Amino acid sequence: MKLYTDAVIIPVDKDHRIIENGALAIEGNTIVDIGDSDIIKSRYPDGEVFDLKGGIMIPGLINTHIHLAQSLLRGMAEEMPLFPDWLQYRIWPMQGSYTGEEFLVSARLALCEMIKTGTTTFLETMLADHYGIPGLVKEVESCGLRGMLSKIVMDRNTPNDLPDCMTESLDSSLALAIDYYKEYNGAADGRIGIWFGPRWSGMFEPKLLPLIAENMHKYGIHTDIHYAEVTEDAEAIRKATGLTPGQYLKETGLAGPNTVIVHATKLADTDYEILAETGTSISHCPISSMHGSLGYLDVPKALDTGVNVAMGTDALACDNNADLFLDMRVGALLQTFVKSDSRALPAYKVLEMATINGAKALGLEDKIGSLEIGKRADFAVLNTNQIKYAPRVNPVSYVVYGSVGNDVMLTVCDGKELYRNGKVLTMDEEKCMTEANILGKAKYEKLLNHTLI
């Protein structure tokens, strides 16, 4: 039995409690009690006590959109139009050049940063087969995070500007995704999931989404898809079908509680009702959307309509960080700025988006996303022994508006400490940085010389 005591706990539960001098009792990977520190310590006198010295404890953050392959491109594709410059001249050549081990160097960089900044669960959007998915499964298992890994499903015959090495046939990519699901879904004591990741944005293919929906229902596989993220996507749907993005998603059978659509900045006003009715979730990535000029998602309207909106950082190439605290702050302030209303998106709702809403998007709300008895022990603790946290009067505000990932002093996933007081316990941080610096610089030089692939 472990007792994490003397913390300000924000459980993100239905009662919106804040436990001022709180403690969490965990047995193995499960929360068995939560409440006042003195009471918890008296109930479990033989428990191993970890004094958090007044730190703020929150559920582990849930990053519902990240591209591990693009971590090495941090700072290498700045201030460029999305297409063709950003994707065709920088991102795709780099990704297409990876060997399996080089991909893992990129992946480790983001995994390590998420651990250090309080994220315990992530959803990787599009994994190509040539990256070596079995190697990534081993990496996620050893680092201790909870990871949902989406295997690309695509049709190489659909018009696209991808390098040949990044294309896969429809039959092969679908079959591989199903094979990986059968082999790895539920691995690492349930910490790893395998999803479909249909490559869709900019590659309209009328056969793809109905086929994905058919196999989702057949096998119980979840789907994660870039959708309605640029005007061209919405226009392609309208011209081909006469439907809005939301209508088309529903018609294909893809809309539903097992689907996460990413960005969704080009939805029609009526689409929010369709997403709410079908239980489809949105992954909102405010920094990435602003950085890439993708457009604006009306988060308050979506939430008020009943849509489950979660949060993501997107790739390090377009967010520059895997720090979800930054996206919480920017996401909140963006809404107040656009709507000229300081109450447009309250801090507590933003924290829910980064925790329990993320859990709902992943179909894991019965296991993670809030600190409640019976759920997995996934949590992060902020070091409040800093001048920036004085006076200590509004912990939710401090988390959303005032914190950054560097304020995290403890990250625990599935009951296991991954990070404590500046040290990553499950990865070699120095090695991650060294490998990324060496490989990233070498790749960047080849990128500029047009000799990558």
Protein backbone atom coordinates (compact mmCIF):
# COMPACT_ATOMS: atom_id res chain seq x y z
CA MET A 1 0.00 0.00 0.00
CA LYS A 2 1.33 3.44 -0.98
CA LEU A 3 -0.01 6.67 0.47
CA TYR A 4 0.60 9.92 -1.41
CA THR A 5 -0.24 12.53 1.21
CA ASP A 6 -0.35 16.26 1.95
CA ALA A 7 -1.40 17.43 -1.48
CA VAL A 8 -4.09 19.69 -2.88
CA ILE A 9 -6.03 17.12 -4.90
CA ILE A 10 -8.24 18.02 -7.86
CA PRO A 11 -9.89 14.65 -8.60
CA VAL A 12 -11.88 15.96 -11.62
CA ASP A 13 -14.89 14.03 -10.39
CA LYS A 14 -18.59 14.73 -10.88
CA ASP A 15 -18.76 16.77 -7.68
CA HIS A 16 -15.89 19.05 -8.76
CA ARG A 17 -14.25 18.54 -5.39
CA ILE A 18 -10.99 20.10 -4.29
CA ILE A 19 -9.37 18.29 -1.35
CA GLU A 20 -7.13 20.81 0.35
CA ASN A 21 -5.00 18.47 2.47
CA GLY A 22 -5.60 15.34 0.50
CA ALA A 23 -4.12 11.88 0.17
CA LEU A 24 -4.38 9.07 -2.34
CA ALA A 25 -4.04 5.44 -1.29
CA ILE A 26 -3.06 2.96 -4.00
CA GLU A 27 -2.64 -0.78 -4.01
CA GLY A 28 -0.76 -2.07 -7.03
CA ASN A 29 -2.11 -0.08 -9.96
CA THR A 30 -5.46 0.86 -8.40
CA ILE A 31 -6.78 3.74 -6.29
CA VAL A 32 -8.30 2.26 -3.14
CA ASP A 33 -9.01 5.44 -1.18
CA ILE A 34 -8.94 9.22 -1.45
CA GLY A 35 -9.63 11.91 1.10
CA ASP A 36 -8.15 13.96 3.94
CA SER A 37 -4.51 13.11 4.63
CA ASP A 38 -4.92 12.57 8.36
CA ILE A 39 -7.88 10.25 7.84
CA ILE A 40 -6.18 8.26 5.07
CA LYS A 41 -3.01 7.82 7.13
CA SER A 42 -5.03 6.64 10.12
CA ARG A 43 -6.87 4.07 7.99
CA TYR A 44 -3.67 2.57 6.61
CA PRO A 45 -1.05 2.83 9.37
CA ASP A 46 1.22 0.33 7.62
CA GLY A 47 1.14 2.14 4.28
CA GLU A 48 4.33 3.57 2.74
CA VAL A 49 3.94 7.35 2.97
CA PHE A 50 5.10 9.79 0.28
CA ASP A 51 4.76 13.39 1.49
CA LEU A 52 3.93 15.67 -1.47
CA LYS A 53 4.51 18.82 0.59
CA GLY A 54 1.44 20.72 -0.55
CA GLY A 55 1.84 20.00 -4.27
CA ILE A 56 -1.20 20.00 -6.56
CA MET A 57 -2.26 16.51 -7.65
CA ILE A 58 -4.31 16.07 -10.80
CA PRO A 59 -5.26 13.05 -12.92
CA GLY A 60 -2.58 12.11 -15.41
CA LEU A 61 -2.99 14.22 -18.53
CA ILE A 62 -4.33 12.51 -21.67
CA ASN A 63 -2.86 13.65 -24.97
CA THR A 64 -5.33 12.59 -27.66
CA HIS A 65 -3.21 13.58 -30.65
CA ILE A 66 0.51 13.23 -31.26
CA HIS A 67 2.76 12.11 -34.12
CA LEU A 68 5.79 10.36 -32.65
CA ALA A 69 7.51 10.25 -36.03
CA GLN A 70 7.62 14.05 -36.21
CA SER A 71 9.43 14.64 -32.92
CA LEU A 72 12.80 14.97 -34.66
CA LEU A 73 11.41 17.78 -36.80
CA ARG A 74 11.03 20.22 -33.92
CA GLY A 75 12.11 23.61 -35.28
CA MET A 76 12.79 22.31 -38.79
CA ALA A 77 9.59 23.35 -40.54
CA GLU A 78 8.65 26.73 -39.13
CA GLU A 79 6.50 29.43 -40.74
CA MET A 80 5.58 27.44 -43.83
CA PRO A 81 2.25 26.87 -45.56
CA LEU A 82 0.84 23.46 -44.69
CA PHE A 83 0.93 22.34 -48.32
CA PRO A 84 3.12 21.92 -50.18
CA ASP A 85 6.00 23.43 -48.20
CA TRP A 86 5.46 22.07 -44.68
CA LEU A 87 4.33 18.58 -45.60
CA GLN A 88 5.85 17.84 -48.99
CA TYR A 89 9.23 19.55 -48.58
CA ARG A 90 9.96 18.95 -44.90
CA ILE A 91 7.71 16.53 -42.99
CA TRP A 92 7.14 13.71 -45.47
CA PRO A 93 10.75 13.44 -46.70
CA MET A 94 11.95 13.14 -43.10
CA GLN A 95 9.35 10.55 -42.13
CA GLY A 96 9.86 8.59 -45.32
CA SER A 97 13.58 8.29 -44.66
CA TYR A 98 13.34 6.54 -41.30
CA THR A 99 14.63 3.11 -40.53
CA GLY A 100 12.86 1.36 -37.68
CA GLU A 101 15.56 2.34 -35.19
CA GLU A 102 15.59 5.96 -36.38
CA PHE A 103 11.83 6.14 -35.86
CA LEU A 104 12.32 4.91 -32.30
CA VAL A 105 14.83 7.71 -31.65
CA SER A 106 12.10 10.17 -32.67
CA ALA A 107 9.46 8.36 -30.63
CA ARG A 108 11.59 8.22 -27.48
CA LEU A 109 12.05 11.98 -27.59
CA ALA A 110 8.30 12.58 -27.28
CA LEU A 111 7.68 9.72 -24.85
CA CYS A 112 10.31 11.08 -22.49
CA GLU A 113 8.95 14.62 -22.73
CA MET A 114 5.39 13.46 -22.01
CA ILE A 115 6.58 11.61 -18.92
CA LYS A 116 8.39 14.71 -17.64
CA THR A 117 5.36 16.95 -18.22
CA GLY A 118 2.62 14.95 -16.53
CA THR A 119 1.05 13.09 -19.45
CA THR A 120 0.29 9.46 -18.66
CA THR A 121 -1.78 8.46 -21.72
CA PHE A 122 -1.43 9.33 -25.38
CA LEU A 123 -3.06 8.59 -28.74
CA GLU A 124 -0.64 8.27 -31.65
CA THR A 125 -2.47 9.03 -34.87
CA MET A 126 -0.76 7.48 -37.89
CA LEU A 127 1.89 4.78 -37.76
CA ALA A 128 3.31 3.56 -41.05
CA ASP A 129 4.32 -0.07 -41.20
CA HIS A 130 7.91 0.77 -42.15
CA TYR A 131 8.38 2.43 -38.74
CA GLY A 132 8.31 -0.97 -37.07
CA ILE A 133 5.23 -1.08 -34.85
CA PRO A 134 6.40 -4.09 -32.78
CA GLY A 135 9.45 -2.05 -31.75
CA LEU A 136 7.25 0.85 -30.65
CA VAL A 137 5.05 -1.50 -28.62
CA LYS A 138 8.14 -2.64 -26.70
CA GLU A 139 9.22 0.98 -26.18
CA VAL A 140 5.85 2.05 -24.77
CA GLU A 141 5.72 -1.03 -22.56
CA SER A 142 9.15 -0.33 -21.08
CA CYS A 143 8.67 3.43 -20.56
CA GLY A 144 5.47 2.85 -18.57
CA LEU A 145 3.06 5.14 -20.41
CA ARG A 146 -0.40 4.20 -21.57
CA GLY A 147 -0.45 4.38 -25.38
CA MET A 148 -3.09 3.97 -28.06
CA LEU A 149 -1.29 3.32 -31.35
CA SER A 150 -3.10 3.92 -34.65
CA LYS A 151 -1.92 1.95 -37.68
CA ILE A 152 -2.29 3.76 -41.01
CA VAL A 153 -4.95 2.41 -43.36
CA MET A 154 -4.83 3.99 -46.82
CA ASP A 155 -5.14 3.42 -50.55
CA ARG A 156 -1.95 4.22 -52.42
CA ASN A 157 -4.00 4.60 -55.60
CA THR A 158 -5.73 7.68 -54.20
CA PRO A 159 -4.06 10.80 -55.67
CA ASN A 160 -1.43 12.06 -53.23
CA ASP A 161 2.02 13.60 -53.10
CA LEU A 162 3.50 11.15 -50.61
CA PRO A 163 6.90 9.59 -51.20
CA ASP A 164 6.50 6.04 -52.48
CA CYS A 165 7.99 4.60 -49.30
CA MET A 166 5.17 6.19 -47.27
CA THR A 167 2.35 4.63 -49.26
CA GLU A 168 0.63 1.31 -48.56
CA SER A 169 -2.04 -0.59 -50.44
CA LEU A 170 -5.56 -0.64 -49.05
CA ASP A 171 -5.74 -4.41 -48.62
CA SER A 172 -2.28 -4.68 -47.06
CA SER A 173 -2.60 -1.71 -44.68
CA LEU A 174 -6.01 -2.86 -43.45
CA ALA A 175 -4.87 -6.45 -42.96
CA LEU A 176 -1.76 -5.33 -41.06
CA ALA A 177 -3.82 -3.09 -38.77
CA ILE A 178 -6.10 -6.00 -37.93
CA ASP A 179 -3.13 -8.33 -37.38
CA TYR A 180 -1.47 -5.80 -35.03
CA TYR A 181 -4.74 -5.39 -33.18
CA LYS A 182 -5.03 -9.13 -32.63
CA GLU A 183 -1.42 -9.40 -31.48
CA TYR A 184 -0.84 -6.27 -29.40
CA ASN A 185 -4.15 -4.77 -28.29
CA GLY A 186 -4.22 -5.03 -24.50
CA ALA A 187 -0.47 -5.60 -24.22
CA ALA A 188 1.53 -4.33 -21.22
CA ASP A 189 -1.23 -5.28 -18.78
CA GLY A 190 -3.77 -3.33 -20.81
CA ARG A 191 -1.71 -0.16 -21.24
CA ILE A 192 -1.43 -0.52 -25.03
CA GLY A 193 -4.23 -0.33 -27.56
CA ILE A 194 -4.16 -0.68 -31.34
CA TRP A 195 -6.42 1.58 -33.42
CA PHE A 196 -7.19 2.26 -37.07
CA GLY A 197 -5.58 5.43 -38.42
CA PRO A 198 -7.12 6.09 -41.84
CA ARG A 199 -5.06 8.51 -43.94
CA TRP A 200 -7.76 10.82 -45.17
CA SER A 201 -7.00 14.52 -45.05
CA GLY A 202 -6.19 15.69 -48.57
CA MET A 203 -6.77 12.15 -49.85
CA PHE A 204 -10.52 11.85 -50.32
CA GLU A 205 -11.35 8.20 -51.07
CA PRO A 206 -15.04 7.21 -50.98
CA LYS A 207 -14.28 3.53 -50.30
CA LEU A 208 -12.04 4.09 -47.28
CA LEU A 209 -14.31 5.31 -44.50
CA PRO A 210 -17.15 2.80 -45.03
CA LEU A 211 -14.54 0.03 -45.10
CA ILE A 212 -13.01 1.28 -41.85
CA ALA A 213 -16.46 1.52 -40.24
CA GLU A 214 -17.29 -2.04 -41.31
CA ASN A 215 -14.12 -3.41 -39.73
CA MET A 216 -14.47 -1.26 -36.62
CA HIS A 217 -17.78 -2.91 -35.89
CA LYS A 218 -16.52 -6.36 -36.87
CA TYR A 219 -13.47 -6.33 -34.59
CA GLY A 220 -14.27 -3.65 -32.00
CA ILE A 221 -11.36 -1.46 -33.11
CA HIS A 222 -11.34 2.28 -32.43
CA THR A 223 -10.51 4.89 -35.09
CA ASP A 224 -8.55 8.11 -35.02
CA ILE A 225 -8.69 10.36 -38.09
CA HIS A 226 -7.67 13.84 -39.22
CA TYR A 227 -10.99 15.23 -40.38
CA ALA A 228 -12.36 18.55 -41.61
CA GLU A 229 -9.05 20.16 -40.70
CA VAL A 230 -8.65 22.29 -43.86
CA THR A 231 -11.10 23.88 -46.28
CA GLU A 232 -10.08 21.46 -49.04
CA ASP A 233 -11.35 18.52 -46.95
CA ALA A 234 -14.81 19.98 -46.46
CA GLU A 235 -14.98 21.04 -50.11
CA ALA A 236 -14.00 17.58 -51.37
CA ILE A 237 -16.79 16.02 -49.31
CA ARG A 238 -19.32 18.60 -50.48
CA LYS A 239 -18.44 18.23 -54.17
CA ALA A 240 -18.47 14.42 -54.08
CA THR A 241 -21.52 13.89 -51.87
CA GLY A 242 -23.36 17.17 -51.29
CA LEU A 243 -22.97 16.57 -47.54
CA THR A 244 -21.31 18.41 -44.68
CA PRO A 245 -18.36 16.71 -42.94
CA GLY A 246 -20.56 15.64 -40.05
CA GLN A 247 -23.28 14.29 -42.33
CA TYR A 248 -20.74 12.32 -44.36
CA LEU A 249 -19.10 10.89 -41.25
CA LYS A 250 -22.48 9.63 -40.10
CA GLU A 251 -23.45 8.29 -43.53
CA THR A 252 -20.28 6.23 -43.81
CA GLY A 253 -20.92 4.67 -40.40
CA LEU A 254 -17.73 6.08 -38.93
CA ALA A 255 -19.41 8.51 -36.52
CA GLY A 256 -19.74 7.03 -33.06
CA PRO A 257 -18.21 6.68 -29.58
CA ASN A 258 -15.25 4.66 -30.92
CA THR A 259 -14.12 7.46 -33.25
CA VAL A 260 -11.93 10.49 -32.52
CA ILE A 261 -11.74 13.18 -35.20
CA VAL A 262 -8.73 15.48 -35.02
CA HIS A 263 -8.71 19.28 -35.49
CA ALA A 264 -12.22 19.49 -37.04
CA THR A 265 -11.85 23.22 -37.65
CA LYS A 266 -13.99 23.16 -40.82
CA LEU A 267 -17.18 21.62 -39.47
CA ALA A 268 -20.54 23.06 -40.46
CA ASP A 269 -22.61 24.57 -37.64
CA THR A 270 -25.06 21.67 -37.81
CA ASP A 271 -22.27 19.08 -37.52
CA TYR A 272 -21.90 19.61 -33.77
CA GLU A 273 -25.34 18.13 -33.21
CA ILE A 274 -24.42 15.07 -35.29
CA LEU A 275 -21.23 14.52 -33.30
CA ALA A 276 -23.10 14.90 -30.01
CA GLU A 277 -25.90 12.57 -31.12
CA THR A 278 -23.47 9.86 -32.27
CA GLY A 279 -20.99 10.24 -29.39
CA THR A 280 -18.09 11.12 -31.68
CA SER A 281 -15.18 12.89 -29.93
CA ILE A 282 -12.99 15.75 -31.14
CA SER A 283 -9.30 16.09 -30.34
CA HIS A 284 -8.64 19.82 -30.07
CA CYS A 285 -5.03 20.92 -30.65
CA PRO A 286 -5.06 24.71 -30.25
CA ILE A 287 -1.35 25.46 -30.56
CA SER A 288 -0.95 23.26 -33.62
CA SER A 289 -4.06 24.70 -35.28
CA MET A 290 -2.79 28.24 -34.71
CA HIS A 291 0.77 27.39 -35.76
CA GLY A 292 -0.40 25.79 -39.00
CA SER A 293 -3.20 28.29 -39.69
CA LEU A 294 -5.75 25.45 -39.76
CA GLY A 295 -8.58 27.55 -38.42
CA TYR A 296 -10.71 27.88 -35.32
CA LEU A 297 -12.75 25.27 -33.46
CA ASP A 298 -15.67 26.70 -31.50
CA VAL A 299 -15.04 24.65 -28.37
CA PRO A 300 -17.71 26.30 -26.18
CA LYS A 301 -20.35 25.65 -28.86
CA ALA A 302 -19.19 22.04 -29.21
CA LEU A 303 -19.30 21.44 -25.46
CA ASP A 304 -22.63 23.19 -25.04
CA THR A 305 -24.07 21.01 -27.82
CA GLY A 306 -22.90 17.92 -25.98
CA VAL A 307 -19.82 17.00 -28.00
CA ASN A 308 -16.99 15.37 -26.06
CA VAL A 309 -13.94 17.57 -26.75
CA ALA A 310 -10.53 16.33 -25.61
CA MET A 311 -7.08 17.88 -26.03
CA GLY A 312 -3.90 17.08 -27.90
CA THR A 313 -0.55 18.66 -28.59
CA ASP A 314 -0.13 17.29 -32.12
CA ALA A 315 3.44 16.73 -33.29
CA LEU A 316 6.50 18.42 -31.87
CA ALA A 317 7.03 19.73 -35.40
CA CYS A 318 3.92 21.93 -35.18
CA ASP A 319 3.50 22.46 -31.43
CA ASN A 320 7.21 22.47 -30.49
CA ASN A 321 6.29 20.76 -27.23
CA ALA A 322 4.67 17.61 -25.88
CA ASP A 323 3.56 19.71 -22.91
CA LEU A 324 -0.23 19.59 -22.58
CA PHE A 325 -0.21 22.32 -19.92
CA LEU A 326 0.71 24.81 -22.65
CA ASP A 327 -2.20 23.67 -24.81
CA MET A 328 -4.58 23.98 -21.88
CA ARG A 329 -3.55 27.59 -21.34
CA VAL A 330 -3.58 28.56 -25.01
CA GLY A 331 -6.83 26.68 -25.60
CA ALA A 332 -8.58 28.56 -22.83
CA LEU A 333 -7.25 31.98 -23.80
CA LEU A 334 -7.95 31.48 -27.50
CA GLN A 335 -11.66 31.09 -26.80
CA THR A 336 -11.87 34.13 -24.53
CA PHE A 337 -10.00 36.17 -27.15
CA VAL A 338 -12.10 35.12 -30.16
CA LYS A 339 -15.40 35.45 -28.31
CA SER A 340 -14.47 38.58 -26.32
CA ASP A 341 -15.80 36.79 -23.28
CA SER A 342 -13.64 35.96 -20.28
CA ARG A 343 -16.12 33.23 -19.31
CA ALA A 344 -16.12 31.50 -22.71
CA LEU A 345 -14.18 28.43 -21.59
CA PRO A 346 -13.67 28.17 -17.80
CA ALA A 347 -10.48 26.63 -16.45
CA TYR A 348 -12.24 23.63 -14.92
CA LYS A 349 -13.73 22.67 -18.29
CA VAL A 350 -10.28 22.91 -19.86
CA LEU A 351 -8.86 20.61 -17.19
CA GLU A 352 -11.69 18.18 -17.90
CA MET A 353 -10.82 18.27 -21.60
CA ALA A 354 -7.25 17.25 -20.79
CA THR A 355 -8.29 14.47 -18.40
CA ILE A 356 -11.75 12.88 -18.17
CA ASN A 357 -12.83 14.01 -21.66
CA GLY A 358 -9.68 12.44 -23.04
CA ALA A 359 -10.52 9.23 -21.21
CA LYS A 360 -14.02 9.26 -22.73
CA ALA A 361 -12.56 9.80 -26.19
CA LEU A 362 -10.42 6.70 -25.75
CA GLY A 363 -13.23 4.62 -24.26
CA LEU A 364 -11.33 4.44 -20.97
CA GLU A 365 -13.43 6.66 -18.68
CA ASP A 366 -14.12 3.72 -16.38
CA LYS A 367 -10.36 3.30 -15.81
CA ILE A 368 -8.63 6.69 -16.05
CA GLY A 369 -9.28 10.42 -16.37
CA SER A 370 -10.27 11.13 -12.77
CA LEU A 371 -8.97 10.22 -9.32
CA GLU A 372 -11.64 7.92 -7.92
CA ILE A 373 -11.72 4.67 -6.00
CA GLY A 374 -11.39 1.70 -8.31
CA LYS A 375 -9.70 3.59 -11.13
CA ARG A 376 -6.09 3.19 -12.22
CA ALA A 377 -3.50 5.19 -10.33
CA ASP A 378 -2.58 7.65 -13.09
CA PHE A 379 -1.69 11.08 -11.73
CA ALA A 380 0.73 13.99 -11.83
CA VAL A 381 1.83 16.34 -9.05
CA LEU A 382 2.90 19.96 -9.51
CA ASN A 383 5.60 21.45 -7.29
CA THR A 384 3.91 24.45 -5.69
CA ASN A 385 6.90 25.40 -3.55
CA GLN A 386 7.61 28.21 -6.01
CA ILE A 387 6.83 31.90 -5.90
CA LYS A 388 4.59 31.55 -8.98
CA TYR A 389 2.08 29.57 -6.90
CA ALA A 390 1.66 32.21 -4.19
CA PRO A 391 -0.81 33.03 -2.81
CA ARG A 392 -2.36 29.56 -2.74
CA VAL A 393 -5.98 30.41 -3.33
CA ASN A 394 -7.15 28.94 -6.64
CA PRO A 395 -5.52 25.62 -7.61
CA VAL A 396 -7.58 25.02 -10.77
CA SER A 397 -6.60 28.43 -12.09
CA TYR A 398 -2.94 27.73 -11.31
CA VAL A 399 -3.05 24.43 -13.19
CA VAL A 400 -4.62 25.82 -16.36
CA TYR A 401 -3.36 29.40 -16.55
CA GLY A 402 -0.11 29.31 -14.58
CA SER A 403 1.58 25.93 -14.92
CA VAL A 404 3.95 24.41 -17.43
CA GLY A 405 5.26 20.89 -17.71
CA ASN A 406 8.49 21.81 -15.94
CA ASP A 407 6.45 22.36 -12.78
CA VAL A 408 5.66 18.63 -12.60
CA MET A 409 7.58 16.87 -9.81
CA LEU A 410 5.93 13.44 -10.01
CA THR A 411 4.31 11.39 -12.77
CA VAL A 412 2.65 8.06 -11.94
CA CYS A 413 1.01 5.74 -14.47
CA ASP A 414 -0.72 2.48 -13.58
CA GLY A 415 0.64 2.83 -10.04
CA LYS A 416 4.26 3.05 -11.19
CA GLU A 417 6.40 6.15 -10.72
CA LEU A 418 7.78 7.24 -14.09
CA TYR A 419 9.25 10.58 -13.01
CA ARG A 420 10.23 12.06 -9.68
CA ASN A 421 11.93 15.35 -8.79
CA GLY A 422 13.69 15.95 -12.07
CA LYS A 423 14.59 12.37 -12.96
CA VAL A 424 12.88 10.12 -15.49
CA LEU A 425 12.89 6.69 -13.87
CA THR A 426 11.95 4.50 -16.83
CA MET A 427 14.01 6.02 -19.65
CA ASP A 428 17.53 7.34 -20.15
CA GLU A 429 16.78 11.02 -20.73
CA GLU A 430 20.38 11.92 -21.56
CA LYS A 431 20.54 9.16 -24.16
CA CYS A 432 17.22 10.30 -25.66
CA MET A 433 18.57 13.83 -26.09
CA THR A 434 21.95 12.75 -27.43
CA GLU A 435 20.50 10.38 -30.00
CA ALA A 436 17.92 12.95 -31.11
CA ASN A 437 20.52 15.70 -31.47
CA ILE A 438 22.88 13.55 -33.53
CA LEU A 439 20.24 12.01 -35.79
CA GLY A 440 18.13 15.16 -36.06
CA LYS A 441 21.05 17.33 -37.18
CA ALA A 442 22.19 14.72 -39.70
CA LYS A 443 18.70 14.37 -41.14
CA TYR A 444 18.23 18.13 -41.28
CA GLU A 445 21.40 18.62 -43.31
CA LYS A 446 20.25 15.97 -45.78
CA LEU A 447 16.80 17.54 -45.84
CA LEU A 448 18.22 20.92 -46.83
CA ASN A 449 20.41 19.26 -49.45
CA HIS A 450 17.45 17.30 -50.84
CA THR A 451 19.25 13.97 -50.30
CA LEU A 452 16.97 12.33 -47.75
CA ILE A 453 15.01 10.02 -50.04
